[in-house]
N, C-alpha and C. Protein backbone atom coordinates (compact mmCIF):
# COMPACT_ATOMS: atom_id res chain seq x y z
N UNK A 1 7.57 -15.53 6.89
CA UNK A 1 6.37 -14.98 6.30
C UNK A 1 5.58 -16.08 5.61
N UNK A 2 4.27 -15.90 5.58
CA UNK A 2 3.40 -16.88 4.96
C UNK A 2 2.78 -16.30 3.70
N UNK A 3 2.36 -17.17 2.76
CA UNK A 3 1.80 -16.66 1.51
C UNK A 3 0.56 -15.81 1.73
N UNK A 4 0.42 -14.80 0.87
CA UNK A 4 -0.73 -13.91 0.95
C UNK A 4 -1.14 -13.51 -0.45
N UNK A 5 -2.42 -13.58 -0.72
CA UNK A 5 -2.92 -13.19 -2.03
C UNK A 5 -2.73 -11.72 -2.27
N UNK A 6 -2.62 -11.31 -3.55
CA UNK A 6 -2.46 -9.90 -3.89
C UNK A 6 -3.66 -9.35 -4.61
N UNK A 7 -4.79 -10.06 -4.64
CA UNK A 7 -5.89 -9.58 -5.45
C UNK A 7 -7.23 -9.49 -4.74
N UNK A 8 -7.31 -9.87 -3.46
CA UNK A 8 -8.60 -9.88 -2.78
C UNK A 8 -9.02 -8.49 -2.37
N UNK A 9 -10.32 -8.27 -2.27
CA UNK A 9 -10.85 -7.00 -1.79
C UNK A 9 -11.06 -7.09 -0.29
N UNK A 10 -11.55 -6.00 0.29
CA UNK A 10 -11.72 -5.96 1.74
C UNK A 10 -12.77 -6.94 2.22
N UNK A 11 -13.69 -7.34 1.37
CA UNK A 11 -14.77 -8.20 1.81
C UNK A 11 -14.67 -9.62 1.28
N UNK A 12 -13.67 -9.89 0.44
CA UNK A 12 -13.59 -11.21 -0.17
C UNK A 12 -12.74 -12.16 0.64
N UNK A 13 -12.81 -13.45 0.31
CA UNK A 13 -11.99 -14.46 0.96
C UNK A 13 -10.63 -14.46 0.30
N UNK A 14 -9.59 -14.42 1.08
CA UNK A 14 -8.24 -14.37 0.54
C UNK A 14 -7.70 -15.78 0.41
N UNK A 15 -7.28 -16.12 -0.80
CA UNK A 15 -6.69 -17.42 -1.07
C UNK A 15 -5.19 -17.24 -1.16
N UNK A 16 -4.41 -17.91 -0.29
CA UNK A 16 -2.96 -17.72 -0.29
C UNK A 16 -2.32 -18.11 -1.62
N UNK A 17 -1.33 -17.34 -2.05
CA UNK A 17 -0.55 -17.64 -3.23
C UNK A 17 0.90 -17.39 -2.91
N UNK A 18 1.79 -17.87 -3.78
CA UNK A 18 3.21 -17.71 -3.53
C UNK A 18 3.62 -16.26 -3.65
N UNK A 19 4.67 -15.89 -2.91
CA UNK A 19 5.19 -14.53 -2.98
C UNK A 19 6.56 -14.57 -3.61
N UNK A 20 7.05 -13.38 -3.98
CA UNK A 20 8.26 -13.35 -4.79
C UNK A 20 9.50 -12.84 -4.08
N UNK A 21 9.34 -12.20 -2.93
CA UNK A 21 10.52 -11.60 -2.32
C UNK A 21 10.34 -11.40 -0.84
N UNK A 22 11.47 -11.43 -0.11
CA UNK A 22 11.44 -11.19 1.33
C UNK A 22 11.36 -9.70 1.59
N UNK A 23 10.90 -9.33 2.78
CA UNK A 23 10.80 -7.93 3.15
C UNK A 23 12.17 -7.42 3.58
N UNK A 24 12.63 -6.30 3.00
CA UNK A 24 13.93 -5.77 3.40
C UNK A 24 13.88 -5.15 4.79
N UNK A 25 15.02 -5.10 5.44
CA UNK A 25 15.10 -4.44 6.74
C UNK A 25 15.25 -2.94 6.52
N UNK A 26 15.21 -2.18 7.63
CA UNK A 26 15.31 -0.73 7.53
C UNK A 26 16.65 -0.30 6.93
N UNK A 27 17.67 -1.12 7.11
CA UNK A 27 19.00 -0.75 6.64
C UNK A 27 19.22 -1.08 5.16
N UNK A 28 18.31 -1.83 4.57
CA UNK A 28 18.49 -2.27 3.20
C UNK A 28 17.80 -1.35 2.20
N UNK A 29 18.44 -1.20 1.04
CA UNK A 29 17.84 -0.54 -0.11
C UNK A 29 17.75 -1.58 -1.20
N UNK A 30 16.58 -1.82 -1.71
CA UNK A 30 16.41 -2.88 -2.68
C UNK A 30 15.90 -2.35 -4.00
N UNK A 31 16.30 -2.99 -5.07
CA UNK A 31 15.89 -2.57 -6.40
C UNK A 31 15.45 -3.76 -7.23
N UNK A 32 14.53 -3.52 -8.11
CA UNK A 32 14.05 -4.54 -9.03
C UNK A 32 15.10 -4.78 -10.08
N UNK A 33 15.36 -6.04 -10.46
CA UNK A 33 16.28 -6.30 -11.56
C UNK A 33 15.83 -5.54 -12.81
N UNK A 34 16.78 -5.17 -13.65
CA UNK A 34 16.46 -4.40 -14.85
C UNK A 34 15.46 -5.12 -15.72
N UNK A 35 14.33 -4.46 -16.01
CA UNK A 35 13.29 -5.01 -16.84
C UNK A 35 12.72 -3.90 -17.71
N UNK A 36 11.92 -4.28 -18.69
CA UNK A 36 11.23 -3.29 -19.49
C UNK A 36 10.23 -2.55 -18.62
N UNK A 37 10.21 -1.23 -18.69
CA UNK A 37 9.29 -0.44 -17.88
C UNK A 37 7.85 -0.83 -18.20
N UNK A 38 7.03 -1.08 -17.17
CA UNK A 38 5.67 -1.58 -17.40
C UNK A 38 4.64 -0.48 -17.62
N UNK A 39 5.07 0.67 -18.17
CA UNK A 39 4.17 1.80 -18.31
C UNK A 39 3.79 2.03 -19.77
N UNK A 40 2.56 2.43 -19.99
CA UNK A 40 2.04 2.65 -21.32
C UNK A 40 1.50 4.07 -21.42
N UNK A 41 1.69 4.69 -22.58
CA UNK A 41 1.14 6.01 -22.84
C UNK A 41 0.29 5.95 -24.09
N UNK A 42 -0.78 6.74 -24.11
CA UNK A 42 -1.67 6.76 -25.27
C UNK A 42 -0.90 7.19 -26.52
N UNK A 43 0.20 7.91 -26.34
CA UNK A 43 0.98 8.38 -27.48
C UNK A 43 1.63 7.23 -28.25
N UNK A 44 1.75 6.08 -27.57
CA UNK A 44 2.39 4.93 -28.23
C UNK A 44 1.41 4.12 -29.07
N UNK A 45 0.13 4.52 -29.08
CA UNK A 45 -0.89 3.77 -29.78
C UNK A 45 -1.61 4.66 -30.80
N UNK A 46 -2.30 4.05 -31.74
CA UNK A 46 -3.03 4.83 -32.74
C UNK A 46 -4.10 5.75 -32.14
N UNK A 47 -4.63 5.39 -30.96
CA UNK A 47 -5.66 6.20 -30.35
C UNK A 47 -5.93 5.78 -28.92
N UNK A 48 -6.72 6.58 -28.17
CA UNK A 48 -6.99 6.28 -26.75
C UNK A 48 -7.78 5.01 -26.53
N UNK A 49 -8.50 4.55 -27.55
CA UNK A 49 -9.29 3.33 -27.39
C UNK A 49 -8.42 2.09 -27.21
N UNK A 50 -7.16 2.18 -27.63
CA UNK A 50 -6.26 1.04 -27.45
C UNK A 50 -6.02 0.75 -25.97
N UNK A 51 -5.79 1.82 -25.19
CA UNK A 51 -5.61 1.63 -23.74
C UNK A 51 -6.88 1.10 -23.11
N UNK A 52 -8.01 1.62 -23.54
CA UNK A 52 -9.29 1.14 -23.01
C UNK A 52 -9.49 -0.33 -23.32
N UNK A 53 -9.05 -0.76 -24.49
CA UNK A 53 -9.17 -2.16 -24.88
C UNK A 53 -8.31 -3.04 -23.97
N UNK A 54 -7.07 -2.60 -23.71
CA UNK A 54 -6.18 -3.36 -22.83
C UNK A 54 -6.76 -3.46 -21.42
N UNK A 55 -7.32 -2.37 -20.93
CA UNK A 55 -7.90 -2.38 -19.59
C UNK A 55 -9.13 -3.28 -19.54
N UNK A 56 -9.93 -3.25 -20.56
CA UNK A 56 -11.14 -4.08 -20.60
C UNK A 56 -10.79 -5.56 -20.56
N UNK A 57 -9.65 -5.92 -21.12
CA UNK A 57 -9.21 -7.32 -21.12
C UNK A 57 -8.24 -7.62 -19.98
N UNK A 58 -8.16 -6.71 -19.00
CA UNK A 58 -7.35 -6.89 -17.78
C UNK A 58 -5.86 -7.05 -18.08
N UNK A 59 -5.42 -6.43 -19.15
CA UNK A 59 -4.00 -6.47 -19.50
C UNK A 59 -3.26 -5.24 -18.99
N UNK A 60 -4.01 -4.20 -18.65
CA UNK A 60 -3.42 -2.97 -18.14
C UNK A 60 -4.40 -2.31 -17.18
N UNK A 61 -3.86 -1.43 -16.33
CA UNK A 61 -4.68 -0.67 -15.37
C UNK A 61 -4.42 0.81 -15.62
N UNK A 62 -5.48 1.57 -15.84
CA UNK A 62 -5.33 2.99 -16.16
C UNK A 62 -4.87 3.78 -14.95
N UNK A 63 -3.92 4.68 -15.17
CA UNK A 63 -3.53 5.65 -14.16
C UNK A 63 -4.33 6.93 -14.34
N UNK A 64 -4.54 7.29 -15.59
CA UNK A 64 -5.43 8.40 -15.94
C UNK A 64 -5.91 8.15 -17.36
N UNK A 65 -6.45 9.16 -18.02
CA UNK A 65 -7.04 8.98 -19.34
C UNK A 65 -6.00 8.69 -20.42
N UNK A 66 -4.73 8.99 -20.16
CA UNK A 66 -3.72 8.84 -21.20
C UNK A 66 -2.56 7.91 -20.84
N UNK A 67 -2.62 7.25 -19.69
CA UNK A 67 -1.51 6.39 -19.29
C UNK A 67 -2.02 5.21 -18.46
N UNK A 68 -1.21 4.16 -18.41
CA UNK A 68 -1.59 2.94 -17.69
C UNK A 68 -0.33 2.16 -17.35
N UNK A 69 -0.49 1.15 -16.51
CA UNK A 69 0.61 0.22 -16.28
C UNK A 69 0.14 -1.19 -16.60
N UNK A 70 1.07 -2.03 -17.01
CA UNK A 70 0.73 -3.41 -17.35
C UNK A 70 0.35 -4.18 -16.11
N UNK A 71 -0.69 -4.97 -16.19
CA UNK A 71 -1.21 -5.71 -15.04
C UNK A 71 -0.15 -6.57 -14.35
N UNK A 72 0.73 -7.28 -15.08
CA UNK A 72 1.74 -8.10 -14.40
C UNK A 72 2.65 -7.33 -13.46
N UNK A 73 2.79 -6.02 -13.69
CA UNK A 73 3.67 -5.22 -12.82
C UNK A 73 3.19 -5.22 -11.39
N UNK A 74 1.88 -5.33 -11.18
CA UNK A 74 1.32 -5.27 -9.82
C UNK A 74 1.28 -6.64 -9.16
N UNK A 75 1.86 -7.65 -9.78
CA UNK A 75 1.82 -8.99 -9.22
C UNK A 75 3.00 -9.29 -8.30
N UNK A 76 3.94 -8.35 -8.18
CA UNK A 76 5.07 -8.54 -7.27
C UNK A 76 5.28 -7.30 -6.43
N UNK A 77 5.91 -7.47 -5.30
CA UNK A 77 6.19 -6.36 -4.39
C UNK A 77 6.99 -5.27 -5.08
N UNK A 78 8.04 -5.65 -5.79
CA UNK A 78 8.92 -4.66 -6.39
C UNK A 78 8.30 -4.06 -7.65
N UNK A 79 7.44 -4.79 -8.31
CA UNK A 79 6.70 -4.23 -9.43
C UNK A 79 5.75 -3.15 -8.97
N UNK A 80 5.05 -3.39 -7.85
CA UNK A 80 4.14 -2.38 -7.31
C UNK A 80 4.91 -1.15 -6.85
N UNK A 81 6.10 -1.37 -6.28
CA UNK A 81 6.93 -0.23 -5.88
C UNK A 81 7.32 0.59 -7.11
N UNK A 82 7.59 -0.08 -8.21
CA UNK A 82 7.95 0.63 -9.43
C UNK A 82 6.78 1.48 -9.92
N UNK A 83 5.58 0.94 -9.87
CA UNK A 83 4.39 1.70 -10.25
C UNK A 83 4.20 2.89 -9.30
N UNK A 84 4.34 2.63 -8.00
CA UNK A 84 4.15 3.69 -7.00
C UNK A 84 5.14 4.83 -7.19
N UNK A 85 6.30 4.52 -7.79
CA UNK A 85 7.29 5.55 -8.03
C UNK A 85 6.79 6.67 -8.94
N UNK A 86 5.77 6.37 -9.75
CA UNK A 86 5.17 7.41 -10.59
C UNK A 86 4.29 8.35 -9.79
N UNK A 87 3.75 7.85 -8.68
CA UNK A 87 2.74 8.57 -7.93
C UNK A 87 3.27 9.25 -6.68
N UNK A 88 4.30 8.68 -6.08
CA UNK A 88 4.84 9.20 -4.82
C UNK A 88 5.96 10.20 -5.12
N UNK A 89 5.86 11.43 -4.64
CA UNK A 89 6.90 12.43 -4.90
C UNK A 89 8.26 11.98 -4.37
N UNK A 90 9.31 12.45 -5.03
CA UNK A 90 10.67 12.12 -4.62
C UNK A 90 10.92 12.53 -3.17
N UNK A 91 11.55 11.66 -2.41
CA UNK A 91 11.92 11.85 -1.00
C UNK A 91 10.73 11.76 -0.04
N UNK A 92 9.51 11.75 -0.55
CA UNK A 92 8.36 11.52 0.32
C UNK A 92 8.25 10.02 0.59
N UNK A 93 7.56 9.67 1.66
CA UNK A 93 7.42 8.26 2.04
C UNK A 93 5.97 7.83 1.85
N UNK A 94 5.75 6.85 1.00
CA UNK A 94 4.40 6.34 0.77
C UNK A 94 3.82 5.81 2.08
N UNK A 95 2.54 6.11 2.33
CA UNK A 95 1.91 5.73 3.59
C UNK A 95 0.47 5.32 3.36
N UNK A 96 -0.16 4.87 4.45
CA UNK A 96 -1.58 4.50 4.45
C UNK A 96 -1.90 3.54 3.29
N UNK A 97 -2.93 3.84 2.49
CA UNK A 97 -3.43 2.87 1.52
C UNK A 97 -2.47 2.60 0.37
N UNK A 98 -1.67 3.60 -0.05
CA UNK A 98 -0.71 3.32 -1.12
C UNK A 98 0.41 2.42 -0.60
N UNK A 99 0.81 2.61 0.66
CA UNK A 99 1.82 1.73 1.25
C UNK A 99 1.25 0.32 1.41
N UNK A 100 0.01 0.23 1.87
CA UNK A 100 -0.64 -1.08 1.99
C UNK A 100 -0.69 -1.76 0.63
N UNK A 101 -1.00 -1.00 -0.43
CA UNK A 101 -1.06 -1.57 -1.77
C UNK A 101 0.31 -2.10 -2.20
N UNK A 102 1.37 -1.35 -1.89
CA UNK A 102 2.71 -1.81 -2.26
C UNK A 102 3.02 -3.14 -1.59
N UNK A 103 2.73 -3.24 -0.29
CA UNK A 103 3.05 -4.46 0.46
C UNK A 103 2.08 -5.60 0.16
N UNK A 104 0.86 -5.27 -0.16
CA UNK A 104 -0.21 -6.27 -0.19
C UNK A 104 -0.82 -6.51 -1.56
N UNK A 105 -0.89 -5.47 -2.40
CA UNK A 105 -1.55 -5.60 -3.69
C UNK A 105 -3.02 -5.24 -3.59
N UNK A 106 -3.80 -5.64 -4.59
CA UNK A 106 -5.22 -5.31 -4.61
C UNK A 106 -5.49 -4.19 -5.59
N UNK A 107 -6.39 -3.28 -5.22
CA UNK A 107 -6.75 -2.16 -6.09
C UNK A 107 -5.93 -0.93 -5.76
N UNK A 108 -5.31 -0.35 -6.77
CA UNK A 108 -4.52 0.86 -6.57
C UNK A 108 -5.42 1.98 -6.04
N UNK A 109 -5.08 2.57 -4.88
CA UNK A 109 -5.95 3.62 -4.32
C UNK A 109 -5.90 4.90 -5.15
N UNK A 110 -6.98 5.65 -5.11
CA UNK A 110 -7.02 6.89 -5.87
C UNK A 110 -6.34 8.02 -5.10
N UNK A 111 -6.43 8.00 -3.78
CA UNK A 111 -5.80 9.02 -2.93
C UNK A 111 -4.42 8.53 -2.52
N UNK A 112 -3.40 9.37 -2.70
CA UNK A 112 -2.03 8.99 -2.38
C UNK A 112 -1.59 9.73 -1.12
N UNK A 113 -1.38 9.00 -0.03
CA UNK A 113 -0.93 9.60 1.23
C UNK A 113 0.57 9.41 1.39
N UNK A 114 1.24 10.46 1.84
CA UNK A 114 2.69 10.38 2.05
C UNK A 114 3.04 11.06 3.36
N UNK A 115 4.17 10.65 3.93
CA UNK A 115 4.76 11.36 5.06
C UNK A 115 5.87 12.22 4.48
N UNK A 116 5.78 13.52 4.71
CA UNK A 116 6.75 14.44 4.12
C UNK A 116 6.69 15.77 4.85
N UNK A 117 7.78 16.52 4.74
CA UNK A 117 7.80 17.88 5.29
C UNK A 117 7.39 18.90 4.23
N UNK A 118 7.17 18.44 3.02
CA UNK A 118 6.75 19.32 1.92
C UNK A 118 5.25 19.18 1.68
N UNK A 119 4.71 20.09 0.91
CA UNK A 119 3.31 20.02 0.50
C UNK A 119 3.25 19.93 -1.02
N UNK A 120 2.30 19.19 -1.52
CA UNK A 120 2.22 18.94 -2.95
C UNK A 120 0.82 19.33 -3.45
N UNK A 121 0.77 20.39 -4.23
CA UNK A 121 -0.52 20.87 -4.72
C UNK A 121 -0.92 20.20 -6.03
N UNK A 122 0.07 19.89 -6.86
CA UNK A 122 -0.23 19.30 -8.16
C UNK A 122 -0.60 17.83 -8.01
N UNK A 123 -1.59 17.40 -8.76
CA UNK A 123 -1.97 15.99 -8.77
C UNK A 123 -0.97 15.20 -9.61
N UNK A 124 -0.91 13.92 -9.34
CA UNK A 124 -0.08 13.02 -10.13
C UNK A 124 -0.99 11.98 -10.77
N UNK A 125 -1.02 11.99 -12.08
CA UNK A 125 -1.90 11.08 -12.83
C UNK A 125 -3.34 11.15 -12.29
N UNK A 126 -3.78 12.37 -12.02
CA UNK A 126 -5.15 12.58 -11.57
C UNK A 126 -5.39 12.22 -10.12
N UNK A 127 -4.33 11.94 -9.37
CA UNK A 127 -4.46 11.55 -7.98
C UNK A 127 -3.95 12.64 -7.05
N UNK A 128 -4.76 12.96 -6.05
CA UNK A 128 -4.39 13.99 -5.08
C UNK A 128 -3.37 13.44 -4.09
N UNK A 129 -2.38 14.26 -3.74
CA UNK A 129 -1.36 13.88 -2.77
C UNK A 129 -1.72 14.46 -1.41
N UNK A 130 -1.94 13.60 -0.43
CA UNK A 130 -2.24 14.02 0.94
C UNK A 130 -1.00 13.83 1.80
N UNK A 131 -0.59 14.89 2.50
CA UNK A 131 0.58 14.82 3.37
C UNK A 131 0.12 14.59 4.80
N UNK A 132 0.62 13.53 5.42
CA UNK A 132 0.26 13.19 6.79
C UNK A 132 1.14 13.97 7.77
N UNK A 133 0.52 14.55 8.75
CA UNK A 133 1.24 15.30 9.77
C UNK A 133 1.62 14.35 10.91
N UNK A 134 2.52 13.41 10.58
CA UNK A 134 2.94 12.42 11.57
C UNK A 134 4.44 12.22 11.48
N UNK A 135 5.09 12.17 12.63
CA UNK A 135 6.51 11.87 12.64
C UNK A 135 6.72 10.42 12.24
N UNK A 136 7.89 10.12 11.69
CA UNK A 136 8.19 8.74 11.35
C UNK A 136 9.61 8.40 11.77
N UNK A 137 9.73 7.34 12.53
CA UNK A 137 11.02 6.83 12.95
C UNK A 137 11.72 6.25 11.71
N UNK A 138 13.00 6.55 11.50
CA UNK A 138 13.71 5.99 10.34
C UNK A 138 13.63 4.46 10.27
N UNK A 139 13.46 3.81 11.42
CA UNK A 139 13.34 2.35 11.43
C UNK A 139 12.01 1.88 10.88
N UNK A 140 11.08 2.81 10.70
CA UNK A 140 9.75 2.47 10.18
C UNK A 140 9.62 2.81 8.70
N UNK A 141 10.77 2.97 8.03
CA UNK A 141 10.80 3.25 6.59
C UNK A 141 11.58 2.17 5.86
N UNK A 142 11.18 1.88 4.65
CA UNK A 142 11.91 0.99 3.77
C UNK A 142 12.08 1.71 2.44
N UNK A 143 13.03 1.27 1.65
CA UNK A 143 13.18 1.80 0.30
C UNK A 143 13.13 0.64 -0.68
N UNK A 144 12.12 0.66 -1.51
CA UNK A 144 11.90 -0.41 -2.48
C UNK A 144 11.95 0.19 -3.88
N UNK A 145 12.93 -0.26 -4.65
CA UNK A 145 13.00 0.19 -6.04
C UNK A 145 13.04 1.72 -6.15
N UNK A 146 13.72 2.34 -5.19
CA UNK A 146 13.87 3.79 -5.22
C UNK A 146 12.75 4.57 -4.56
N UNK A 147 11.73 3.87 -4.05
CA UNK A 147 10.58 4.52 -3.44
C UNK A 147 10.59 4.27 -1.93
N UNK A 148 10.47 5.33 -1.14
CA UNK A 148 10.35 5.16 0.30
C UNK A 148 8.91 4.75 0.63
N UNK A 149 8.78 3.80 1.52
CA UNK A 149 7.46 3.31 1.93
C UNK A 149 7.52 2.96 3.41
N UNK A 150 6.43 3.20 4.12
CA UNK A 150 6.39 2.82 5.53
C UNK A 150 6.55 1.32 5.67
N UNK A 151 7.20 0.88 6.74
CA UNK A 151 7.39 -0.55 7.00
C UNK A 151 6.04 -1.23 7.19
N UNK A 152 5.99 -2.55 7.06
CA UNK A 152 4.70 -3.24 7.24
C UNK A 152 4.00 -2.92 8.56
N UNK A 153 4.76 -2.89 9.67
CA UNK A 153 4.12 -2.62 10.96
C UNK A 153 3.60 -1.18 11.04
N UNK A 154 4.36 -0.23 10.50
CA UNK A 154 3.90 1.15 10.49
C UNK A 154 2.71 1.31 9.54
N UNK A 155 2.74 0.60 8.43
CA UNK A 155 1.63 0.64 7.49
C UNK A 155 0.35 0.14 8.15
N UNK A 156 0.45 -0.95 8.90
CA UNK A 156 -0.72 -1.50 9.60
C UNK A 156 -1.31 -0.47 10.56
N UNK A 157 -0.44 0.24 11.26
CA UNK A 157 -0.91 1.26 12.21
C UNK A 157 -1.57 2.42 11.46
N UNK A 158 -0.94 2.87 10.38
CA UNK A 158 -1.48 4.01 9.64
C UNK A 158 -2.86 3.72 9.05
N UNK A 159 -3.04 2.52 8.49
CA UNK A 159 -4.36 2.23 7.90
C UNK A 159 -5.41 2.05 9.00
N UNK A 160 -4.98 1.57 10.17
CA UNK A 160 -5.92 1.43 11.28
C UNK A 160 -6.36 2.80 11.81
N UNK A 161 -5.57 3.83 11.57
CA UNK A 161 -5.92 5.19 12.00
C UNK A 161 -6.95 5.85 11.08
N UNK A 162 -7.22 5.25 9.94
CA UNK A 162 -8.21 5.82 9.02
C UNK A 162 -9.59 5.84 9.67
N UNK A 163 -10.48 6.72 9.23
CA UNK A 163 -11.87 6.65 9.72
C UNK A 163 -12.40 5.23 9.52
N UNK A 164 -13.20 4.75 10.47
CA UNK A 164 -13.56 3.34 10.47
C UNK A 164 -14.29 2.92 9.19
N UNK A 165 -15.15 3.79 8.66
CA UNK A 165 -15.86 3.42 7.43
C UNK A 165 -14.88 3.27 6.26
N UNK A 166 -13.88 4.15 6.21
CA UNK A 166 -12.87 4.06 5.16
C UNK A 166 -12.06 2.78 5.32
N UNK A 167 -11.64 2.50 6.54
CA UNK A 167 -10.88 1.27 6.83
C UNK A 167 -11.68 0.03 6.45
N UNK A 168 -12.94 -0.03 6.89
CA UNK A 168 -13.76 -1.21 6.62
C UNK A 168 -13.98 -1.42 5.12
N UNK A 169 -14.18 -0.34 4.38
CA UNK A 169 -14.43 -0.45 2.94
C UNK A 169 -13.16 -0.80 2.16
N UNK A 170 -12.03 -0.26 2.60
CA UNK A 170 -10.78 -0.46 1.85
C UNK A 170 -10.04 -1.73 2.24
N UNK A 171 -10.12 -2.12 3.53
CA UNK A 171 -9.32 -3.24 4.02
C UNK A 171 -10.17 -4.23 4.81
N UNK A 172 -10.64 -3.82 5.97
CA UNK A 172 -11.43 -4.70 6.82
C UNK A 172 -10.57 -5.49 7.79
N UNK A 173 -11.18 -5.93 8.88
CA UNK A 173 -10.45 -6.66 9.93
C UNK A 173 -9.82 -7.94 9.41
N UNK A 174 -10.56 -8.67 8.56
CA UNK A 174 -10.04 -9.95 8.07
C UNK A 174 -8.75 -9.80 7.29
N UNK A 175 -8.72 -8.82 6.39
CA UNK A 175 -7.51 -8.62 5.59
C UNK A 175 -6.36 -8.07 6.43
N UNK A 176 -6.67 -7.22 7.41
CA UNK A 176 -5.61 -6.71 8.28
C UNK A 176 -5.02 -7.85 9.11
N UNK A 177 -5.87 -8.75 9.56
CA UNK A 177 -5.38 -9.91 10.33
C UNK A 177 -4.43 -10.75 9.49
N UNK A 178 -4.77 -10.97 8.22
CA UNK A 178 -3.90 -11.74 7.33
C UNK A 178 -2.60 -10.99 7.04
N UNK A 179 -2.70 -9.68 6.93
CA UNK A 179 -1.52 -8.84 6.70
C UNK A 179 -0.55 -8.98 7.87
N UNK A 180 -1.07 -8.88 9.09
CA UNK A 180 -0.22 -9.02 10.28
C UNK A 180 0.38 -10.42 10.38
N UNK A 181 -0.41 -11.41 10.05
CA UNK A 181 0.08 -12.78 10.11
C UNK A 181 1.18 -13.01 9.08
N UNK A 182 0.97 -12.52 7.87
CA UNK A 182 1.93 -12.72 6.79
C UNK A 182 3.28 -12.08 7.11
N UNK A 183 3.23 -10.86 7.62
CA UNK A 183 4.47 -10.16 7.94
C UNK A 183 4.93 -10.40 9.38
N UNK A 184 4.25 -11.31 10.06
CA UNK A 184 4.63 -11.75 11.42
C UNK A 184 4.74 -10.56 12.37
N UNK A 185 3.69 -9.75 12.38
CA UNK A 185 3.64 -8.55 13.22
C UNK A 185 2.69 -8.79 14.40
N UNK A 186 3.18 -8.82 15.61
CA UNK A 186 2.28 -8.94 16.76
C UNK A 186 1.43 -7.68 16.92
N UNK A 187 0.19 -7.84 17.36
CA UNK A 187 -0.67 -6.69 17.62
C UNK A 187 -0.02 -5.75 18.63
N UNK A 188 0.70 -6.31 19.58
CA UNK A 188 1.33 -5.47 20.61
C UNK A 188 2.38 -4.53 20.00
N UNK A 189 3.01 -4.95 18.91
CA UNK A 189 3.96 -4.07 18.22
C UNK A 189 3.25 -2.84 17.68
N UNK A 190 2.07 -3.04 17.11
CA UNK A 190 1.27 -1.94 16.60
C UNK A 190 0.83 -1.01 17.73
N UNK A 191 0.42 -1.61 18.83
CA UNK A 191 0.01 -0.80 19.98
C UNK A 191 1.18 0.02 20.52
N UNK A 192 2.36 -0.55 20.50
CA UNK A 192 3.55 0.16 20.98
C UNK A 192 3.79 1.41 20.13
N UNK A 193 3.66 1.30 18.80
CA UNK A 193 3.83 2.46 17.93
C UNK A 193 2.77 3.51 18.25
N UNK A 194 1.55 3.06 18.45
CA UNK A 194 0.46 3.99 18.76
C UNK A 194 0.68 4.70 20.08
N UNK A 195 1.04 3.94 21.10
CA UNK A 195 1.20 4.53 22.42
C UNK A 195 2.34 5.54 22.46
N UNK A 196 3.29 5.40 21.54
CA UNK A 196 4.38 6.37 21.46
C UNK A 196 3.95 7.65 20.75
N UNK A 197 2.76 7.61 20.14
CA UNK A 197 2.26 8.76 19.38
C UNK A 197 0.77 8.98 19.67
N UNK A 198 0.43 9.27 20.92
CA UNK A 198 -0.98 9.36 21.32
C UNK A 198 -1.75 10.53 20.70
N UNK A 199 -1.04 11.49 20.11
CA UNK A 199 -1.72 12.66 19.54
C UNK A 199 -1.96 12.53 18.03
N UNK A 200 -1.62 11.38 17.48
CA UNK A 200 -1.87 11.19 16.05
C UNK A 200 -3.37 11.27 15.76
N UNK A 201 -3.76 11.92 14.66
CA UNK A 201 -5.16 11.83 14.23
C UNK A 201 -5.52 10.37 13.96
N UNK A 202 -6.64 9.93 14.49
CA UNK A 202 -7.05 8.54 14.29
C UNK A 202 -6.52 7.58 15.34
N UNK A 203 -5.86 8.12 16.37
CA UNK A 203 -5.30 7.25 17.43
C UNK A 203 -6.38 6.35 18.03
N UNK A 204 -7.51 6.93 18.41
CA UNK A 204 -8.57 6.12 19.04
C UNK A 204 -9.17 5.13 18.04
N UNK A 205 -9.26 5.53 16.76
CA UNK A 205 -9.75 4.60 15.74
C UNK A 205 -8.87 3.36 15.68
N UNK A 206 -7.56 3.58 15.67
CA UNK A 206 -6.62 2.46 15.57
C UNK A 206 -6.67 1.57 16.80
N UNK A 207 -6.74 2.16 18.00
CA UNK A 207 -6.83 1.35 19.21
C UNK A 207 -8.07 0.47 19.17
N UNK A 208 -9.17 1.01 18.64
CA UNK A 208 -10.40 0.23 18.53
C UNK A 208 -10.24 -0.90 17.52
N UNK A 209 -9.59 -0.62 16.40
CA UNK A 209 -9.37 -1.65 15.37
C UNK A 209 -8.57 -2.82 15.94
N UNK A 210 -7.49 -2.53 16.64
CA UNK A 210 -6.66 -3.61 17.17
C UNK A 210 -7.36 -4.35 18.32
N UNK A 211 -8.18 -3.64 19.07
CA UNK A 211 -8.99 -4.31 20.10
C UNK A 211 -9.99 -5.25 19.44
N UNK A 212 -10.67 -4.78 18.41
CA UNK A 212 -11.64 -5.62 17.69
C UNK A 212 -10.96 -6.81 17.03
N UNK A 213 -9.76 -6.59 16.54
CA UNK A 213 -9.00 -7.66 15.91
C UNK A 213 -8.72 -8.79 16.90
N UNK A 214 -8.29 -8.43 18.09
CA UNK A 214 -8.01 -9.45 19.10
C UNK A 214 -9.30 -10.12 19.57
N UNK A 215 -10.38 -9.38 19.64
CA UNK A 215 -11.67 -9.96 20.01
C UNK A 215 -12.09 -11.03 19.00
N UNK A 216 -11.93 -10.73 17.72
CA UNK A 216 -12.28 -11.69 16.67
C UNK A 216 -11.38 -12.90 16.73
N UNK A 217 -10.11 -12.70 17.01
CA UNK A 217 -9.16 -13.82 17.08
C UNK A 217 -9.53 -14.79 18.21
N UNK A 218 -9.94 -14.22 19.35
CA UNK A 218 -10.27 -15.06 20.51
C UNK A 218 -11.47 -15.97 20.24
N UNK A 219 -12.33 -15.56 19.31
CA UNK A 219 -13.49 -16.38 18.97
C UNK A 219 -13.09 -17.71 18.36
N UNK A 220 -11.89 -17.75 17.76
CA UNK A 220 -11.45 -18.96 17.06
C UNK A 220 -10.40 -19.73 17.84
N UNK A 221 -10.12 -19.29 19.06
CA UNK A 221 -9.14 -20.00 19.89
C UNK A 221 -9.78 -21.16 20.64
């Protein structure tokens, strides 16, 4: 794997930085070493303005009006998984943009997508839980710090299935290309997952994304 920044947006230039951990295989369950929980509640402070002050100085990121997580928590793969554990229901598998955030970093998405056989009506920290109607091969799941998340290759396919405007605004071809390069995922691997599931919503969107990705790559060959 090659270094990948954790803070760039879909339209910005990504500057490589060092990473902290290797990607576990499907058979591995990994946990963060014991650390102080990076979560803050307004109840721990004299008033709600304290959290706003921390966020204004980029020391914390708000989850909702009364809670936040410390910014350093999102600087590592396992720290992001720990944060995601607050948002992803137990036994559900984080997918799409929340999975991309766990693997990649950046801005925590407001919509939380999961693969699950259950339905979740209650919001978590003000975030709606969307259940994807897609089968998932056990080999396309990882468990990080107690949270199930789609594997990097499955995550790439899922985000490519998003409506194109959503994909372009949230990620973009450039960042997806870097994601695939960093996790050493061939485009053909993504196509193989897609072709095995031709009835997935967004199938044609994803095929177009990977076609465009290869077209852009050929320009620089």
